[in-house]
Amino acid sequence: MHTVKLFSDFTGFEWDNANRQKNWEKHHVAWWECEELFFNQPLYVLPDPIHSTSEHRFFALGVTNGGRLLFIVFTQRTKKVRVISARDMSKKERMVYIEKAQKDAST
């Protein structure tokens, strides 16, 4: 998995109001929680080639300032991160995230 080095030159976030509202209504994830994730460690980012038909998409596993573990799908538009969807990590994703974080912390 990659860390946040992908974003060495990003300057902020670009939001689609419909996606922001959908994330809240469907998963109770606030836009600011999504943004927090990208500033906290550990943050693991992988490409999402299956859903990258018209633009490069990625998914991120990370943690908010409040300790909430989130799974976020996003794209990078120019120098901005555009969140497409966000939800709590599944049980399997949490296990992967925690195991990877523990391994990284011990090395």
N, C-alpha and C. Protein backbone atom coordinates (compact mmCIF):
# COMPACT_ATOMS: atom_id res chain seq x y z
N MET A 1 0.84 -1.18 0.00
CA MET A 1 0.00 0.00 0.00
C MET A 1 0.88 1.24 0.00
N HIS A 2 0.38 2.29 -0.56
CA HIS A 2 1.11 3.54 -0.64
C HIS A 2 0.70 4.45 0.50
N THR A 3 1.58 5.36 0.86
CA THR A 3 1.20 6.39 1.82
C THR A 3 0.81 7.64 1.06
N VAL A 4 0.62 8.72 1.77
CA VAL A 4 0.08 9.95 1.20
C VAL A 4 1.06 10.69 0.29
N LYS A 5 2.21 10.13 -0.02
CA LYS A 5 3.17 10.78 -0.89
C LYS A 5 2.58 11.14 -2.24
N LEU A 6 1.49 10.49 -2.62
CA LEU A 6 0.78 10.83 -3.85
C LEU A 6 0.42 12.31 -3.90
N PHE A 7 0.22 12.93 -2.75
CA PHE A 7 -0.34 14.27 -2.64
C PHE A 7 0.69 15.33 -2.30
N SER A 8 1.89 15.16 -2.76
CA SER A 8 2.93 16.11 -2.38
C SER A 8 2.64 17.53 -2.82
N ASP A 9 1.84 17.69 -3.86
CA ASP A 9 1.57 19.05 -4.36
C ASP A 9 0.09 19.43 -4.32
N PHE A 10 -0.72 18.69 -3.57
CA PHE A 10 -2.14 19.03 -3.60
C PHE A 10 -2.41 20.28 -2.76
N THR A 11 -3.41 21.04 -3.18
CA THR A 11 -3.67 22.34 -2.56
C THR A 11 -5.01 22.41 -1.83
N GLY A 12 -5.76 21.33 -1.81
CA GLY A 12 -7.04 21.36 -1.12
C GLY A 12 -8.01 20.34 -1.65
N PHE A 13 -9.28 20.63 -1.45
CA PHE A 13 -10.34 19.69 -1.80
C PHE A 13 -11.34 20.36 -2.72
N GLU A 14 -11.93 19.55 -3.58
CA GLU A 14 -13.01 19.98 -4.46
C GLU A 14 -14.21 19.11 -4.14
N TRP A 15 -15.34 19.73 -3.84
CA TRP A 15 -16.51 18.97 -3.43
C TRP A 15 -17.66 19.11 -4.42
N ASP A 16 -18.29 17.99 -4.70
CA ASP A 16 -19.55 17.97 -5.41
C ASP A 16 -20.63 17.92 -4.33
N ASN A 17 -21.52 18.90 -4.32
CA ASN A 17 -22.52 18.98 -3.25
C ASN A 17 -23.39 17.73 -3.16
N ALA A 18 -23.70 17.11 -4.31
CA ALA A 18 -24.52 15.90 -4.28
C ALA A 18 -23.77 14.75 -3.59
N ASN A 19 -22.47 14.59 -3.87
CA ASN A 19 -21.69 13.55 -3.21
C ASN A 19 -21.55 13.84 -1.72
N ARG A 20 -21.33 15.09 -1.38
CA ARG A 20 -21.21 15.46 0.03
C ARG A 20 -22.49 15.09 0.78
N GLN A 21 -23.63 15.42 0.19
CA GLN A 21 -24.92 15.12 0.82
C GLN A 21 -25.18 13.61 0.87
N LYS A 22 -24.84 12.91 -0.21
CA LYS A 22 -25.04 11.46 -0.26
C LYS A 22 -24.22 10.76 0.82
N ASN A 23 -22.96 11.17 1.00
CA ASN A 23 -22.12 10.56 2.03
C ASN A 23 -22.72 10.76 3.42
N TRP A 24 -23.32 11.92 3.65
CA TRP A 24 -23.93 12.18 4.95
C TRP A 24 -25.21 11.36 5.13
N GLU A 25 -26.10 11.41 4.12
CA GLU A 25 -27.39 10.73 4.24
C GLU A 25 -27.25 9.22 4.29
N LYS A 26 -26.36 8.67 3.49
CA LYS A 26 -26.25 7.22 3.38
C LYS A 26 -25.34 6.62 4.46
N HIS A 27 -24.26 7.31 4.82
CA HIS A 27 -23.25 6.73 5.71
C HIS A 27 -22.94 7.58 6.95
N HIS A 28 -23.58 8.74 7.07
CA HIS A 28 -23.34 9.67 8.19
C HIS A 28 -21.86 10.04 8.32
N VAL A 29 -21.23 10.28 7.15
CA VAL A 29 -19.85 10.75 7.12
C VAL A 29 -19.89 12.21 6.68
N ALA A 30 -19.36 13.09 7.51
CA ALA A 30 -19.32 14.52 7.21
C ALA A 30 -18.13 14.84 6.31
N TRP A 31 -18.26 15.92 5.53
CA TRP A 31 -17.20 16.31 4.61
C TRP A 31 -15.89 16.59 5.33
N TRP A 32 -15.98 17.17 6.51
CA TRP A 32 -14.76 17.51 7.24
C TRP A 32 -14.05 16.28 7.78
N GLU A 33 -14.79 15.19 8.03
CA GLU A 33 -14.14 13.95 8.44
C GLU A 33 -13.31 13.40 7.28
N CYS A 34 -13.86 13.50 6.07
CA CYS A 34 -13.13 13.04 4.88
C CYS A 34 -11.82 13.80 4.74
N GLU A 35 -11.89 15.11 4.90
CA GLU A 35 -10.69 15.93 4.77
C GLU A 35 -9.66 15.61 5.85
N GLU A 36 -10.11 15.40 7.08
CA GLU A 36 -9.19 15.06 8.17
C GLU A 36 -8.37 13.83 7.85
N LEU A 37 -9.01 12.86 7.24
CA LEU A 37 -8.36 11.58 6.93
C LEU A 37 -7.05 11.77 6.20
N PHE A 38 -7.00 12.71 5.26
CA PHE A 38 -5.82 12.89 4.42
C PHE A 38 -4.65 13.55 5.15
N PHE A 39 -4.89 14.05 6.37
CA PHE A 39 -3.83 14.68 7.15
C PHE A 39 -3.36 13.81 8.31
N ASN A 40 -3.97 12.65 8.48
CA ASN A 40 -3.62 11.76 9.59
C ASN A 40 -2.89 10.54 9.09
N GLN A 41 -2.08 9.99 9.97
CA GLN A 41 -1.33 8.78 9.67
C GLN A 41 -1.74 7.70 10.66
N PRO A 42 -1.72 6.45 10.25
CA PRO A 42 -1.36 6.01 8.91
C PRO A 42 -2.51 6.21 7.92
N LEU A 43 -2.13 6.47 6.70
CA LEU A 43 -3.07 6.61 5.58
C LEU A 43 -2.57 5.70 4.48
N TYR A 44 -3.41 4.79 4.04
CA TYR A 44 -3.04 3.85 2.98
C TYR A 44 -3.90 4.11 1.76
N VAL A 45 -3.25 4.26 0.63
CA VAL A 45 -3.92 4.61 -0.62
C VAL A 45 -3.56 3.58 -1.68
N LEU A 46 -4.58 3.12 -2.40
CA LEU A 46 -4.38 2.19 -3.51
C LEU A 46 -5.17 2.65 -4.72
N PRO A 47 -4.68 2.35 -5.92
CA PRO A 47 -5.46 2.67 -7.11
C PRO A 47 -6.71 1.81 -7.17
N ASP A 48 -7.74 2.30 -7.82
CA ASP A 48 -9.00 1.58 -8.00
C ASP A 48 -9.23 1.40 -9.50
N PRO A 49 -8.47 0.50 -10.14
CA PRO A 49 -8.54 0.38 -11.60
C PRO A 49 -9.89 -0.08 -12.12
N ILE A 50 -10.65 -0.80 -11.34
CA ILE A 50 -11.95 -1.30 -11.79
C ILE A 50 -12.90 -0.14 -12.05
N HIS A 51 -12.81 0.91 -11.23
CA HIS A 51 -13.72 2.06 -11.37
C HIS A 51 -13.05 3.27 -12.02
N SER A 52 -11.90 3.06 -12.65
CA SER A 52 -11.14 4.15 -13.26
C SER A 52 -11.36 4.22 -14.77
N THR A 53 -12.59 4.16 -15.19
CA THR A 53 -12.85 4.15 -16.63
C THR A 53 -12.69 5.52 -17.27
N SER A 54 -13.16 6.58 -16.62
CA SER A 54 -13.06 7.91 -17.22
C SER A 54 -12.01 8.79 -16.53
N GLU A 55 -11.58 8.42 -15.33
CA GLU A 55 -10.55 9.15 -14.60
C GLU A 55 -9.90 8.19 -13.61
N HIS A 56 -8.69 8.52 -13.19
CA HIS A 56 -8.00 7.67 -12.22
C HIS A 56 -8.67 7.83 -10.86
N ARG A 57 -9.08 6.70 -10.31
CA ARG A 57 -9.69 6.70 -8.98
C ARG A 57 -8.79 5.93 -8.03
N PHE A 58 -8.91 6.30 -6.77
CA PHE A 58 -8.14 5.67 -5.71
C PHE A 58 -9.07 5.41 -4.54
N PHE A 59 -8.63 4.51 -3.66
CA PHE A 59 -9.34 4.40 -2.39
C PHE A 59 -8.33 4.55 -1.27
N ALA A 60 -8.82 5.07 -0.16
CA ALA A 60 -7.96 5.32 0.99
C ALA A 60 -8.57 4.68 2.22
N LEU A 61 -7.70 4.14 3.05
CA LEU A 61 -8.06 3.65 4.37
C LEU A 61 -7.33 4.54 5.36
N GLY A 62 -8.10 5.18 6.24
CA GLY A 62 -7.46 6.09 7.18
C GLY A 62 -8.34 6.38 8.36
N VAL A 63 -7.88 7.32 9.18
CA VAL A 63 -8.53 7.62 10.45
C VAL A 63 -8.78 9.12 10.57
N THR A 64 -9.92 9.47 11.15
CA THR A 64 -10.25 10.88 11.41
C THR A 64 -9.60 11.32 12.72
N ASN A 65 -9.69 12.61 13.01
CA ASN A 65 -9.17 13.12 14.28
C ASN A 65 -9.87 12.48 15.46
N GLY A 66 -11.13 12.08 15.28
CA GLY A 66 -11.89 11.44 16.35
C GLY A 66 -11.70 9.94 16.44
N GLY A 67 -10.83 9.38 15.60
CA GLY A 67 -10.53 7.95 15.64
C GLY A 67 -11.45 7.09 14.79
N ARG A 68 -12.27 7.69 13.97
CA ARG A 68 -13.17 6.94 13.10
C ARG A 68 -12.40 6.40 11.90
N LEU A 69 -12.53 5.10 11.65
CA LEU A 69 -11.84 4.45 10.53
C LEU A 69 -12.73 4.51 9.30
N LEU A 70 -12.24 5.18 8.24
CA LEU A 70 -13.04 5.39 7.04
C LEU A 70 -12.40 4.79 5.80
N PHE A 71 -13.25 4.41 4.88
CA PHE A 71 -12.90 3.98 3.53
C PHE A 71 -13.40 5.07 2.60
N ILE A 72 -12.51 5.68 1.83
CA ILE A 72 -12.88 6.79 0.96
C ILE A 72 -12.44 6.49 -0.46
N VAL A 73 -13.33 6.73 -1.40
CA VAL A 73 -13.01 6.66 -2.83
C VAL A 73 -12.87 8.10 -3.30
N PHE A 74 -11.79 8.37 -4.06
CA PHE A 74 -11.55 9.74 -4.49
C PHE A 74 -10.78 9.75 -5.81
N THR A 75 -10.72 10.92 -6.40
CA THR A 75 -9.90 11.17 -7.57
C THR A 75 -9.11 12.44 -7.30
N GLN A 76 -8.10 12.67 -8.09
CA GLN A 76 -7.33 13.90 -7.96
C GLN A 76 -7.58 14.72 -9.21
N ARG A 77 -8.10 15.92 -9.03
CA ARG A 77 -8.39 16.84 -10.13
C ARG A 77 -7.44 18.02 -10.01
N THR A 78 -6.62 18.18 -11.01
CA THR A 78 -5.51 19.13 -10.97
C THR A 78 -4.78 18.94 -9.65
N LYS A 79 -4.80 19.92 -8.78
CA LYS A 79 -4.08 19.79 -7.51
C LYS A 79 -5.04 19.64 -6.33
N LYS A 80 -6.25 19.16 -6.60
CA LYS A 80 -7.25 19.01 -5.54
C LYS A 80 -7.73 17.57 -5.45
N VAL A 81 -8.06 17.17 -4.24
CA VAL A 81 -8.66 15.87 -3.98
C VAL A 81 -10.17 16.03 -4.08
N ARG A 82 -10.81 15.16 -4.85
CA ARG A 82 -12.28 15.18 -4.98
C ARG A 82 -12.81 13.86 -4.43
N VAL A 83 -13.47 13.93 -3.28
CA VAL A 83 -14.03 12.74 -2.64
C VAL A 83 -15.29 12.34 -3.39
N ILE A 84 -15.36 11.07 -3.76
CA ILE A 84 -16.51 10.54 -4.48
C ILE A 84 -17.47 9.86 -3.50
N SER A 85 -16.91 9.03 -2.62
CA SER A 85 -17.75 8.38 -1.61
C SER A 85 -16.94 8.10 -0.36
N ALA A 86 -17.63 7.98 0.76
CA ALA A 86 -16.99 7.73 2.05
C ALA A 86 -17.94 6.93 2.93
N ARG A 87 -17.34 5.99 3.67
CA ARG A 87 -18.12 5.17 4.59
C ARG A 87 -17.19 4.62 5.65
N ASP A 88 -17.77 4.05 6.70
CA ASP A 88 -16.96 3.36 7.70
C ASP A 88 -16.33 2.13 7.06
N MET A 89 -15.13 1.79 7.52
CA MET A 89 -14.47 0.58 7.01
C MET A 89 -15.29 -0.64 7.39
N SER A 90 -15.26 -1.63 6.50
CA SER A 90 -15.87 -2.93 6.81
C SER A 90 -14.98 -3.65 7.82
N LYS A 91 -15.47 -4.72 8.38
CA LYS A 91 -14.69 -5.49 9.34
C LYS A 91 -13.37 -5.96 8.72
N LYS A 92 -13.42 -6.44 7.50
CA LYS A 92 -12.21 -6.91 6.81
C LYS A 92 -11.23 -5.75 6.57
N GLU A 93 -11.75 -4.62 6.15
CA GLU A 93 -10.90 -3.44 5.91
C GLU A 93 -10.25 -2.96 7.20
N ARG A 94 -11.00 -2.97 8.30
CA ARG A 94 -10.44 -2.59 9.60
C ARG A 94 -9.30 -3.51 10.00
N MET A 95 -9.49 -4.81 9.80
CA MET A 95 -8.45 -5.78 10.14
C MET A 95 -7.19 -5.52 9.32
N VAL A 96 -7.35 -5.30 8.01
CA VAL A 96 -6.20 -5.02 7.14
C VAL A 96 -5.50 -3.75 7.59
N TYR A 97 -6.28 -2.70 7.84
CA TYR A 97 -5.72 -1.41 8.25
C TYR A 97 -4.94 -1.53 9.55
N ILE A 98 -5.53 -2.15 10.54
CA ILE A 98 -4.90 -2.27 11.86
C ILE A 98 -3.64 -3.12 11.78
N GLU A 99 -3.71 -4.24 11.06
CA GLU A 99 -2.53 -5.10 10.91
C GLU A 99 -1.39 -4.37 10.21
N LYS A 100 -1.71 -3.65 9.14
CA LYS A 100 -0.69 -2.91 8.39
C LYS A 100 -0.10 -1.79 9.27
N ALA A 101 -0.95 -1.08 9.98
CA ALA A 101 -0.46 0.00 10.84
C ALA A 101 0.45 -0.54 11.96
N GLN A 102 0.08 -1.67 12.54
CA GLN A 102 0.92 -2.27 13.59
C GLN A 102 2.25 -2.72 13.02
N LYS A 103 2.23 -3.32 11.84
CA LYS A 103 3.46 -3.77 11.19
C LYS A 103 4.36 -2.57 10.87
N ASP A 104 3.79 -1.51 10.33
CA ASP A 104 4.55 -0.32 9.98
C ASP A 104 5.14 0.34 11.24
N ALA A 105 4.39 0.33 12.33
CA ALA A 105 4.85 0.96 13.58
C ALA A 105 6.02 0.20 14.20
N SER A 106 6.10 -1.09 13.94
CA SER A 106 7.17 -1.91 14.54
C SER A 106 8.43 -1.95 13.69
N THR A 107 8.38 -1.37 12.49
CA THR A 107 9.58 -1.40 11.63
C THR A 107 10.34 -0.10 11.67
